[in-house]
C-alpha atoms as a PDB file:
ATOM      1  CA  MET A   1      18.347 -11.241   6.143  1.00  0.00           C
ATOM      2  CA  PHE A   2      18.667  -9.037   3.055  1.00  0.00           C
ATOM      3  CA  VAL A   3      16.093  -6.163   2.938  1.00  0.00           C
ATOM      4  CA  GLN A   4      15.424  -3.720   0.123  1.00  0.00           C
ATOM      5  CA  TYR A   5      13.096  -0.750   0.148  1.00  0.00           C
ATOM      6  CA  ASN A   6      11.560   0.457  -3.186  1.00  0.00           C
ATOM      7  CA  ASN A   7      14.231  -1.323  -5.203  1.00  0.00           C
ATOM      8  CA  SER A   8      16.901   1.072  -3.855  1.00  0.00           C
ATOM      9  CA  ARG A   9      17.931   1.290  -0.200  1.00  0.00           C
ATOM     10  CA  THR A  10      19.213  -1.994   1.227  1.00  0.00           C
ATOM     11  CA  LEU A  11      19.774  -3.329   4.745  1.00  0.00           C
ATOM     12  CA  ASN A  12      21.393  -6.426   6.190  1.00  0.00           C
ATOM     13  CA  PHE A  13      18.944  -7.093   9.021  1.00  0.00           C
ATOM     14  CA  ASP A  14      19.549  -9.304  12.076  1.00  0.00           C
ATOM     15  CA  MET A  15      17.888  -9.661  15.420  1.00  0.00           C
ATOM     16  CA  SER A  16      19.792  -6.729  16.816  1.00  0.00           C
ATOM     17  CA  SER A  17      18.943  -4.323  13.954  1.00  0.00           C
ATOM     18  CA  ARG A  18      16.598  -1.396  14.262  1.00  0.00           C
ATOM     19  CA  VAL A  19      14.343  -0.021  11.481  1.00  0.00           C
ATOM     20  CA  ASP A  20      12.196   3.086  11.294  1.00  0.00           C
ATOM     21  CA  PRO A  21       8.410   2.577  11.444  1.00  0.00           C
ATOM     22  CA  LEU A  22       6.353   3.021   8.299  1.00  0.00           C
ATOM     23  CA  ASP A  23       5.891   6.778   7.805  1.00  0.00           C
ATOM     24  CA  TYR A  24       2.207   6.952   7.121  1.00  0.00           C
ATOM     25  CA  ASN A  25      -0.692   8.024   9.368  1.00  0.00           C
ATOM     26  CA  GLY A  26      -3.686   6.354   7.809  1.00  0.00           C
ATOM     27  CA  GLU A  27      -5.019   2.879   7.371  1.00  0.00           C
ATOM     28  CA  ILE A  28      -3.005   0.492   5.209  1.00  0.00           C
ATOM     29  CA  VAL A  29      -3.433  -2.669   3.081  1.00  0.00           C
ATOM     30  CA  VAL A  30      -0.535  -5.089   3.073  1.00  0.00           C
ATOM     31  CA  ALA A  31      -0.123  -7.591   0.199  1.00  0.00           C
ATOM     32  CA  MET A  32       2.506 -10.355   0.370  1.00  0.00           C
ATOM     33  CA  ASP A  33       4.096 -12.808  -2.066  1.00  0.00           C
ATOM     34  CA  PRO A  34       6.225 -14.827   0.365  1.00  0.00           C
ATOM     35  CA  SER A  35       9.408 -16.898  -0.339  1.00  0.00           C
ATOM     36  CA  LYS A  36      12.810 -17.360   1.056  1.00  0.00           C
ATOM     37  CA  THR A  37      14.617 -16.121  -2.044  1.00  0.00           C
ATOM     38  CA  ASN A  38      12.555 -12.945  -2.437  1.00  0.00           C
ATOM     39  CA  PHE A  39       9.633 -12.131  -0.166  1.00  0.00           C
ATOM     40  CA  ALA A  40       7.851  -9.109  -1.783  1.00  0.00           C
ATOM     41  CA  THR A  41       5.552  -6.955   0.289  1.00  0.00           C
ATOM     42  CA  VAL A  42       3.449  -4.085  -1.050  1.00  0.00           C
ATOM     43  CA  ILE A  43       2.121  -1.570   1.472  1.00  0.00           C
ATOM     44  CA  GLY A  44      -0.581   0.757   0.172  1.00  0.00           C
ATOM     45  CA  THR A  45      -3.802   2.544   1.064  1.00  0.00           C
ATOM     46  CA  PRO A  46      -7.324   1.075   0.794  1.00  0.00           C
ATOM     47  CA  ASP A  47      -7.985   3.527  -2.077  1.00  0.00           C
ATOM     48  CA  GLY A  48      -5.233   2.164  -4.241  1.00  0.00           C
ATOM     49  CA  ARG A  49      -2.089   4.302  -3.509  1.00  0.00           C
ATOM     50  CA  VAL A  50       1.159   2.330  -3.102  1.00  0.00           C
ATOM     51  CA  ILE A  51       3.152   3.683  -0.160  1.00  0.00           C
ATOM     52  CA  GLU A  52       6.198   1.395  -0.201  1.00  0.00           C
ATOM     53  CA  ILE A  53       7.449  -1.908  -1.487  1.00  0.00           C
ATOM     54  CA  VAL A  54       9.736  -3.920   0.819  1.00  0.00           C
ATOM     55  CA  GLU A  55      11.505  -7.168  -0.147  1.00  0.00           C
ATOM     56  CA  PHE A  56      13.242  -9.769   2.019  1.00  0.00           C
ATOM     57  CA  SER A  57      15.643 -12.620   1.213  1.00  0.00           C
ATOM     58  CA  GLY A  58      16.952 -15.390   3.406  1.00  0.00           C
ATOM     59  CA  ASN A  59      19.588 -16.531   0.905  1.00  0.00           C
ATOM     60  CA  ASN A  60      20.836 -13.148  -0.504  1.00  0.00           C
ATOM     61  CA  ARG A  61      18.676 -13.710  -3.536  1.00  0.00           C
ATOM     62  CA  SER A  62      20.205 -17.144  -4.287  1.00  0.00           C
ATOM     63  CA  LYS A  63      23.724 -15.777  -4.114  1.00  0.00           C
ATOM     64  CA  GLY A  64      24.300 -17.163  -0.586  1.00  0.00           C
ATOM     65  CA  PRO A  65      24.943 -17.778   2.170  1.00  0.00           C
ATOM     66  CA  ILE A  66      21.657 -19.633   2.868  1.00  0.00           C
ATOM     67  CA  GLU A  67      20.193 -18.571   6.215  1.00  0.00           C
ATOM     68  CA  ASP A  68      18.441 -21.038   8.531  1.00  0.00           C
ATOM     69  CA  THR A  69      14.769 -20.771   7.706  1.00  0.00           C
ATOM     70  CA  THR A  70      13.580 -20.605  11.318  1.00  0.00           C
ATOM     71  CA  LEU A  71      16.028 -17.743  11.942  1.00  0.00           C
ATOM     72  CA  TYR A  72      14.826 -16.032   8.768  1.00  0.00           C
ATOM     73  CA  CYS A  73      11.204 -16.299  10.021  1.00  0.00           C
ATOM     74  CA  GLU A  74      12.083 -14.872  13.401  1.00  0.00           C
ATOM     75  CA  GLU A  75      13.845 -11.943  11.718  1.00  0.00           C
ATOM     76  CA  LEU A  76      10.739 -11.350   9.640  1.00  0.00           C
ATOM     77  CA  ARG A  77       8.693 -11.156  12.849  1.00  0.00           C
ATOM     78  CA  THR A  78      11.130  -8.735  14.496  1.00  0.00           C
ATOM     79  CA  PHE A  79      11.226  -6.520  11.343  1.00  0.00           C
ATOM     80  CA  PHE A  80       7.380  -6.478  11.121  1.00  0.00           C
ATOM     81  CA  THR A  81       7.091  -5.482  14.807  1.00  0.00           C
ATOM     82  CA  GLN A  82       9.295  -2.450  14.271  1.00  0.00           C
ATOM     83  CA  TYR A  83       8.075  -1.511  10.867  1.00  0.00           C
ATOM     84  CA  PHE A  84       4.378  -1.704  11.637  1.00  0.00           C
ATOM     85  CA  ALA A  85       4.788  -0.214  15.137  1.00  0.00           C
ATOM     86  CA  ASN A  86       2.676   2.799  14.429  1.00  0.00           C
ATOM     87  CA  ALA A  87       0.572   1.339  11.564  1.00  0.00           C
ATOM     88  CA  GLN A  88      -3.225   1.198  11.297  1.00  0.00           C
ATOM     89  CA  ILE A  89      -3.578  -2.084   9.456  1.00  0.00           C
ATOM     90  CA  TYR A  90      -6.928  -2.331   7.567  1.00  0.00           C
ATOM     91  CA  LEU A  91      -6.310  -5.535   5.616  1.00  0.00           C
ATOM     92  CA  VAL A  92      -3.531  -8.096   5.038  1.00  0.00           C
ATOM     93  CA  GLY A  93      -3.375 -10.564   2.141  1.00  0.00           C
ATOM     94  CA  ILE A  94      -0.998 -13.349   1.140  1.00  0.00           C
ATOM     95  CA  GLU A  95      -0.946 -15.462  -1.927  1.00  0.00           C
ATOM     96  CA  ALA A  96      -2.502 -18.831  -1.235  1.00  0.00           C
ATOM     97  CA  VAL A  97      -0.459 -22.056  -1.505  1.00  0.00           C
ATOM     98  CA  ILE A  98      -0.079 -23.411  -5.001  1.00  0.00           C
ATOM     99  CA  THR A  99      -0.021 -27.227  -4.937  1.00  0.00           C
ATOM    100  CA  VAL A 100       2.505 -28.573  -7.485  1.00  0.00           C
ATOM    101  CA  LYS A 101       1.549 -31.951  -9.012  1.00  0.00           C
ATOM    102  CA  GLY A 102       2.724 -34.380 -11.602  1.00  0.00           C
ATOM    103  CA  LYS A 103       6.297 -34.156 -12.984  1.00  0.00           C
ATOM    104  CA  ARG A 104       6.801 -30.770 -11.343  1.00  0.00           C
ATOM    105  CA  ALA A 105       6.385 -32.312  -7.883  1.00  0.00           C
ATOM    106  CA  ASP A 106      10.041 -33.469  -7.505  1.00  0.00           C
ATOM    107  CA  HIS A 107      12.283 -33.539  -4.465  1.00  0.00           C
ATOM    108  CA  VAL A 108      13.376 -29.953  -4.910  1.00  0.00           C
ATOM    109  CA  SER A 109       9.838 -28.773  -5.139  1.00  0.00           C
ATOM    110  CA  HIS A 110       9.046 -30.677  -1.966  1.00  0.00           C
ATOM    111  CA  ILE A 111      11.849 -29.040  -0.006  1.00  0.00           C
ATOM    112  CA  SER A 112      10.815 -25.666  -1.389  1.00  0.00           C
ATOM    113  CA  ASN A 113       7.259 -26.224  -0.244  1.00  0.00           C
ATOM    114  CA  VAL A 114       8.290 -27.192   3.186  1.00  0.00           C
ATOM    115  CA  THR A 115      10.363 -23.982   3.488  1.00  0.00           C
ATOM    116  CA  LEU A 116       7.518 -21.877   2.128  1.00  0.00           C
ATOM    117  CA  ASN A 117       5.015 -23.440   4.518  1.00  0.00           C
ATOM    118  CA  GLU A 118       7.223 -22.469   7.494  1.00  0.00           C
ATOM    119  CA  ILE A 119       7.421 -18.873   6.174  1.00  0.00           C
ATOM    120  CA  ARG A 120       3.734 -18.700   5.566  1.00  0.00           C
ATOM    121  CA  SER A 121       2.832 -20.131   8.958  1.00  0.00           C
ATOM    122  CA  THR A 122       5.015 -17.534  10.573  1.00  0.00           C
ATOM    123  CA  VAL A 123       3.291 -14.659   8.808  1.00  0.00           C
ATOM    124  CA  LEU A 124      -0.215 -16.032   9.269  1.00  0.00           C
ATOM    125  CA  SER A 125       0.302 -16.570  13.033  1.00  0.00           C
ATOM    126  CA  TYR A 126       2.225 -13.251  13.484  1.00  0.00           C
ATOM    127  CA  PHE A 127      -0.658 -11.021  12.270  1.00  0.00           C
ATOM    128  CA  MET A 128      -3.254 -13.042  14.150  1.00  0.00           C
ATOM    129  CA  HIS A 129      -1.225 -12.917  17.404  1.00  0.00           C
ATOM    130  CA  GLU A 130      -0.048  -9.219  17.189  1.00  0.00           C
ATOM    131  CA  TYR A 131      -3.103  -7.534  15.537  1.00  0.00           C
ATOM    132  CA  GLY A 132      -5.989 -10.070  15.655  1.00  0.00           C
ATOM    133  CA  ILE A 133      -6.012 -10.011  11.894  1.00  0.00           C
ATOM    134  CA  HIS A 134      -6.987 -13.147   9.949  1.00  0.00           C
ATOM    135  CA  ILE A 135      -4.965 -12.785   6.784  1.00  0.00           C
ATOM    136  CA  GLN A 136      -6.820 -13.085   3.500  1.00  0.00           C
ATOM    137  CA  GLU A 137      -5.363 -15.898   1.416  1.00  0.00           C
ATOM    138  CA  ILE A 138      -5.589 -14.734  -2.215  1.00  0.00           C
ATOM    139  CA  ASN A 139      -6.046 -17.502  -4.797  1.00  0.00           C
ATOM    140  CA  ASN A 140      -3.384 -17.387  -7.459  1.00  0.00           C
ATOM    141  CA  TRP A 141      -5.833 -17.839 -10.368  1.00  0.00           C
ATOM    142  CA  ALA A 142      -8.306 -15.346  -8.824  1.00  0.00           C
ATOM    143  CA  TRP A 143      -5.923 -12.383  -8.817  1.00  0.00           C
ATOM    144  CA  LYS A 144      -4.418 -13.241 -12.219  1.00  0.00           C
ATOM    145  CA  HIS A 145      -7.887 -13.628 -13.831  1.00  0.00           C
ATOM    146  CA  ALA A 146      -8.991 -10.361 -12.324  1.00  0.00           C
ATOM    147  CA  GLU A 147      -5.928  -8.215 -12.976  1.00  0.00           C
ATOM    148  CA  LEU A 148      -4.105  -9.710 -16.004  1.00  0.00           C
ATOM    149  CA  PRO A 149      -5.534 -10.040 -19.544  1.00  0.00           C
ATOM    150  CA  GLU A 150      -5.618 -13.229 -21.530  1.00  0.00           C
ATOM    151  CA  GLY A 151      -2.142 -14.348 -22.585  1.00  0.00           C
ATOM    152  CA  TYR A 152      -0.480 -13.243 -19.320  1.00  0.00           C
ATOM    153  CA  ARG A 153      -2.251 -15.786 -17.027  1.00  0.00           C
ATOM    154  CA  HIS A 154      -0.828 -19.153 -16.064  1.00  0.00           C
ATOM    155  CA  PRO A 155      -1.299 -21.098 -12.841  1.00  0.00           C
ATOM    156  CA  TYR A 156       2.443 -21.773 -12.358  1.00  0.00           C
ATOM    157  CA  GLU A 157       4.342 -19.255 -14.527  1.00  0.00           C
ATOM    158  CA  LYS A 158       4.841 -15.561 -13.617  1.00  0.00           C
ATOM    159  CA  TYR A 159       3.914 -13.151 -16.369  1.00  0.00           C
ATOM    160  CA  SER A 160       3.057 -10.140 -14.310  1.00  0.00           C
ATOM    161  CA  LYS A 161       6.298  -8.373 -15.029  1.00  0.00           C
ATOM    162  CA  LYS A 162       6.032  -9.207 -18.750  1.00  0.00           C
ATOM    163  CA  TYR A 163       2.570  -7.637 -18.793  1.00  0.00           C
ATOM    164  CA  ILE A 164       3.870  -4.408 -17.094  1.00  0.00           C
ATOM    165  CA  ARG A 165       6.871  -4.360 -19.457  1.00  0.00           C
ATOM    166  CA  ASP A 166       4.739  -4.778 -22.545  1.00  0.00           C
ATOM    167  CA  THR A 167       2.117  -2.184 -21.598  1.00  0.00           C
ATOM    168  CA  ASP A 168       4.039   0.300 -19.393  1.00  0.00           C
ATOM    169  CA  PRO A 169       7.800  -0.157 -19.983  1.00  0.00           C
ATOM    170  CA  THR A 170       8.765   2.947 -17.955  1.00  0.00           C
ATOM    171  CA  ASN A 171       6.998   1.593 -14.862  1.00  0.00           C
ATOM    172  CA  PRO A 172       9.584   1.251 -12.016  1.00  0.00           C
ATOM    173  CA  LEU A 173       8.228  -2.266 -11.265  1.00  0.00           C
ATOM    174  CA  VAL A 174       9.930  -3.661 -14.412  1.00  0.00           C
ATOM    175  CA  ASN A 175      13.326  -3.042 -12.686  1.00  0.00           C
ATOM    176  CA  TYR A 176      12.551  -5.092  -9.579  1.00  0.00           C
ATOM    177  CA  PHE A 177      14.180  -8.402  -8.860  1.00  0.00           C
ATOM    178  CA  HIS A 178      12.353 -11.207 -10.762  1.00  0.00           C
ATOM    179  CA  GLU A 179       8.505 -10.992 -10.740  1.00  0.00           C
ATOM    180  CA  ASP A 180       7.786 -11.050  -7.067  1.00  0.00           C
ATOM    181  CA  ALA A 181       7.145  -7.347  -6.517  1.00  0.00           C
ATOM    182  CA  CYS A 182       4.938  -7.287  -9.611  1.00  0.00           C
ATOM    183  CA  ASP A 183       2.924 -10.265  -8.320  1.00  0.00           C
ATOM    184  CA  ALA A 184       2.553  -8.590  -4.939  1.00  0.00           C
ATOM    185  CA  PHE A 185       1.442  -5.441  -6.636  1.00  0.00           C
ATOM    186  CA  PHE A 186      -1.338  -7.161  -8.565  1.00  0.00           C
ATOM    187  CA  ILE A 187      -2.353  -9.037  -5.356  1.00  0.00           C
ATOM    188  CA  TYR A 188      -2.641  -5.650  -3.683  1.00  0.00           C
ATOM    189  CA  LYS A 189      -4.639  -4.268  -6.542  1.00  0.00           C
ATOM    190  CA  TYR A 190      -6.937  -7.257  -6.427  1.00  0.00           C
ATOM    191  CA  MET A 191      -7.481  -6.719  -2.750  1.00  0.00           C
ATOM    192  CA  VAL A 192      -8.317  -3.044  -3.302  1.00  0.00           C
ATOM    193  CA  ASP A 193     -10.632  -3.781  -6.171  1.00  0.00           C
ATOM    194  CA  THR A 194     -12.530  -6.577  -4.481  1.00  0.00           C
ATOM    195  CA  MET A 195     -12.272  -6.056  -0.737  1.00  0.00           C
ATOM    196  CA  CYS A 196     -12.033  -2.280  -0.370  1.00  0.00           C
ATOM    197  CA  LYS A 197     -14.772  -1.188  -2.816  1.00  0.00           C
ATOM    198  CA  ASN A 198     -16.880   0.429  -0.079  1.00  0.00           C
ATOM    199  CA  TYR A 199     -13.941   2.039   1.734  1.00  0.00           C
ATOM    200  CA  MET A 200     -14.313   5.789   2.290  1.00  0.00           C
ATOM    201  CA  LEU A 201     -11.461   7.958   3.414  1.00  0.00           C
ATOM    202  CA  ILE A 202     -13.016  10.706   5.519  1.00  0.00           C
ATOM    203  CA  CYS A 203     -11.826  12.844   8.453  1.00  0.00           C
ATOM    204  CA  THR A 204     -12.534  11.049  11.738  1.00  0.00           C
ATOM    205  CA  GLN A 205     -10.423  12.991  14.207  1.00  0.00           C
ATOM    206  CA  VAL A 206      -8.554  16.213  14.939  1.00  0.00           C
ATOM    207  CA  GLU A 207      -4.825  15.912  14.101  1.00  0.00           C
ATOM    208  CA  PRO A 208      -1.907  18.316  14.007  1.00  0.00           C
ATOM    209  CA  CYS A 209      -0.071  18.542  10.714  1.00  0.00           C
ATOM    210  CA  ASP A 210       3.622  19.330  10.290  1.00  0.00           C
ATOM    211  CA  THR A 211       3.530  19.311   6.508  1.00  0.00           C
ATOM    212  CA  GLU A 212       3.175  22.693   4.765  1.00  0.00           C
ATOM    213  CA  TYR A 213       0.352  23.000   2.297  1.00  0.00           C
ATOM    214  CA  GLU A 214      -1.858  25.699   0.772  1.00  0.00           C
ATOM    215  CA  LEU A 215      -5.663  26.153   0.792  1.00  0.00           C
ATOM    216  CA  SER A 216      -7.713  28.059  -1.669  1.00  0.00           C
ATOM    217  CA  VAL A 217     -11.426  28.473  -2.129  1.00  0.00           C
ATOM    218  CA  THR A 218     -13.120  28.577  -5.507  1.00  0.00           C
ATOM    219  CA  GLU A 219     -16.511  28.241  -7.178  1.00  0.00           C
ATOM    220  CA  LEU A 220     -18.120  24.971  -7.997  1.00  0.00           C
ATOM    221  CA  ASP A 221     -17.540  25.143 -11.769  1.00  0.00           C
ATOM    222  CA  SER A 222     -13.957  26.333 -11.525  1.00  0.00           C
ATOM    223  CA  PRO A 223     -11.582  24.902 -14.186  1.00  0.00           C
ATOM    224  CA  PHE A 224      -8.880  25.162 -11.461  1.00  0.00           C
ATOM    225  CA  ILE A 225      -9.864  21.751 -10.103  1.00  0.00           C
ATOM    226  CA  ASP A 226      -9.422  19.884 -13.421  1.00  0.00           C
ATOM    227  CA  GLY A 227      -7.160  16.901 -12.768  1.00  0.00           C
ATOM    228  CA  LEU A 228      -7.508  17.098  -8.989  1.00  0.00           C
ATOM    229  CA  ARG A 229      -8.994  14.386  -6.833  1.00  0.00           C
ATOM    230  CA  GLU A 230     -12.291  14.983  -5.029  1.00  0.00           C
ATOM    231  CA  VAL A 231     -12.359  13.851  -1.370  1.00  0.00           C
ATOM    232  CA  SER A 232     -15.200  13.820   1.104  1.00  0.00           C
ATOM    233  CA  TYR A 233     -15.760  16.559   3.707  1.00  0.00           C
ATOM    234  CA  ASN A 234     -16.982  15.712   7.169  1.00  0.00           C
ATOM    235  CA  ASP A 235     -18.977  18.605   8.591  1.00  0.00           C
ATOM    236  CA  MET A 236     -18.415  17.291  12.170  1.00  0.00           C
ATOM    237  CA  PHE A 237     -14.959  18.840  11.886  1.00  0.00           C
ATOM    238  CA  THR A 238     -13.590  22.177  10.740  1.00  0.00           C
ATOM    239  CA  ILE A 239     -12.276  22.795   7.270  1.00  0.00           C
ATOM    240  CA  LYS A 240      -8.736  22.950   8.719  1.00  0.00           C
ATOM    241  CA  ASP A 241      -9.267  19.626  10.497  1.00  0.00           C
ATOM    242  CA  ASN A 242     -10.375  18.002   7.235  1.00  0.00           C
ATOM    243  CA  ALA A 243      -7.483  19.464   5.326  1.00  0.00           C
ATOM    244  CA  ASN A 244      -4.963  18.259   7.960  1.00  0.00           C
ATOM    245  CA  PHE A 245      -6.412  14.811   7.931  1.00  0.00           C
ATOM    246  CA  PHE A 246      -5.894  14.407   4.130  1.00  0.00           C
ATOM    247  CA  VAL A 247      -2.461  15.969   4.070  1.00  0.00           C
ATOM    248  CA  ASN A 248      -1.329  13.669   6.891  1.00  0.00           C
ATOM    249  CA  ARG A 249      -2.276  10.792   4.577  1.00  0.00           C
ATOM    250  CA  LYS A 250      -0.144  12.255   1.819  1.00  0.00           C
ATOM    251  CA  ILE A 251      -3.147  13.435  -0.231  1.00  0.00           C
ATOM    252  CA  THR A 252      -2.758  16.840  -1.803  1.00  0.00           C
ATOM    253  CA  GLY A 253      -3.834  18.098  -5.141  1.00  0.00           C
ATOM    254  CA  CYS A 254      -7.418  17.487  -4.064  1.00  0.00           C
ATOM    255  CA  TYR A 255     -10.590  19.341  -3.121  1.00  0.00           C
ATOM    256  CA  PHE A 256     -13.838  18.976  -1.191  1.00  0.00           C
ATOM    257  CA  LYS A 257     -17.190  20.737  -1.361  1.00  0.00           C
ATOM    258  CA  VAL A 258     -18.490  22.738   1.602  1.00  0.00           C
ATOM    259  CA  PRO A 259     -21.461  25.045   2.279  1.00  0.00           C
ATOM    260  CA  ILE A 260     -20.653  28.733   1.986  1.00  0.00           C
ATOM    261  CA  ASN A 261     -21.658  29.347   5.554  1.00  0.00           C
ATOM    262  CA  THR A 262     -18.938  26.893   6.639  1.00  0.00           C
ATOM    263  CA  LEU A 263     -16.210  29.414   5.720  1.00  0.00           C
ATOM    264  CA  ASP A 264     -14.826  31.008   8.825  1.00  0.00           C
ATOM    265  CA  LEU A 265     -12.120  33.680   9.384  1.00  0.00           C
ATOM    266  CA  PRO A 266      -9.297  31.140  10.154  1.00  0.00           C
ATOM    267  CA  THR A 267     -10.026  29.415   6.861  1.00  0.00           C
ATOM    268  CA  ILE A 268     -10.143  32.713   4.925  1.00  0.00           C
ATOM    269  CA  TYR A 269      -6.781  33.803   6.453  1.00  0.00           C
ATOM    270  CA  GLU A 270      -5.386  30.344   5.644  1.00  0.00           C
ATOM    271  CA  CYS A 271      -6.196  30.638   1.951  1.00  0.00           C
ATOM    272  CA  ALA A 272      -2.812  31.681   0.609  1.00  0.00           C
ATOM    273  CA  GLY A 273      -4.001  30.441  -2.774  1.00  0.00           C
ATOM    274  CA  GLY A 274      -6.670  33.153  -2.722  1.00  0.00           C
ATOM    275  CA  ILE A 275     -10.447  33.217  -2.630  1.00  0.00           C
ATOM    276  CA  SER A 276     -12.580  33.716  -5.748  1.00  0.00           C
ATOM    277  CA  GLN A 277     -15.319  36.331  -5.339  1.00  0.00           C
ATOM    278  CA  ASN A 278     -17.638  34.211  -7.524  1.00  0.00           C
ATOM    279  CA  ILE A 279     -18.066  31.675  -4.709  1.00  0.00           C
ATOM    280  CA  PHE A 280     -20.757  33.887  -3.174  1.00  0.00           C
ATOM    281  CA  ASN A 281     -23.049  33.237  -6.140  1.00  0.00           C
ATOM    282  CA  ASP A 282     -23.738  29.749  -4.906  1.00  0.00           C
ATOM    283  CA  ASP A 283     -24.699  28.009  -1.712  1.00  0.00           C
ATOM    284  CA  GLU A 284     -21.601  25.860  -1.849  1.00  0.00           C
ATOM    285  CA  CYS A 285     -17.952  26.278  -2.744  1.00  0.00           C
ATOM    286  CA  LEU A 286     -14.812  24.168  -3.194  1.00  0.00           C
ATOM    287  CA  VAL A 287     -11.881  24.038  -0.823  1.00  0.00           C
ATOM    288  CA  VAL A 288      -8.654  23.087  -2.636  1.00  0.00           C
ATOM    289  CA  ILE A 289      -5.618  21.534  -0.943  1.00  0.00           C
ATOM    290  CA  LEU A 290      -2.278  21.933  -2.722  1.00  0.00           C
END
């Protein structure tokens, strides 16, 4: 099975292969556009940050040789088991079956649908069996209508890459194989927009952090935070615990608001970025993570 990460690193995967688990500590959303030629999978956060895109092929992207479909499915299961070994899966979605009718429903389409059904069944049963997750089946027209403007929607044709190329030609997605990764990206975006609207990322546990980062404390109206993301502070944990939690989820360049009396000596010593004296004019201040 051919595997490609982020349109760069490749791997010829078989049942004896070993892959590294996904390197992310928080909850994830998985969006899939399955096929045998190019199975695109987008892994991201519930708040809309893409972590990685992984693509699979059971026929070397039509160049051959063609792999037995059942073996391809078993390799997918084996890869998922290793790749998601440490993952906290919040939601999984897959594009729902598109029924081809009329002149398009020829013998080739029938064989293709049989193959796709075997792949889909493998994925659906895998996540139910391993994680107890009932996969969300995303209607083709629903995600296209929600995420693509008029002129780029069609029930059978793929215009997602064309839309990205026309509106954002420097986007790395335009260089991916065919339109599959682009479709999976918009399926992911649809899931985030419609199924994760009430999701809140907030510190829920004490965690060590091996990544270096800087803390600073500043006043509420500081221009220093312009362009930074605001995150939520959980006062059940220390400032350091909150900061570690976000950095472990690859969120830096952010800030949260805390009461002045929350500042303790460890936090003050940690603030390599400095502490503004103006913070003592208010009851609250901002902790910045860089």
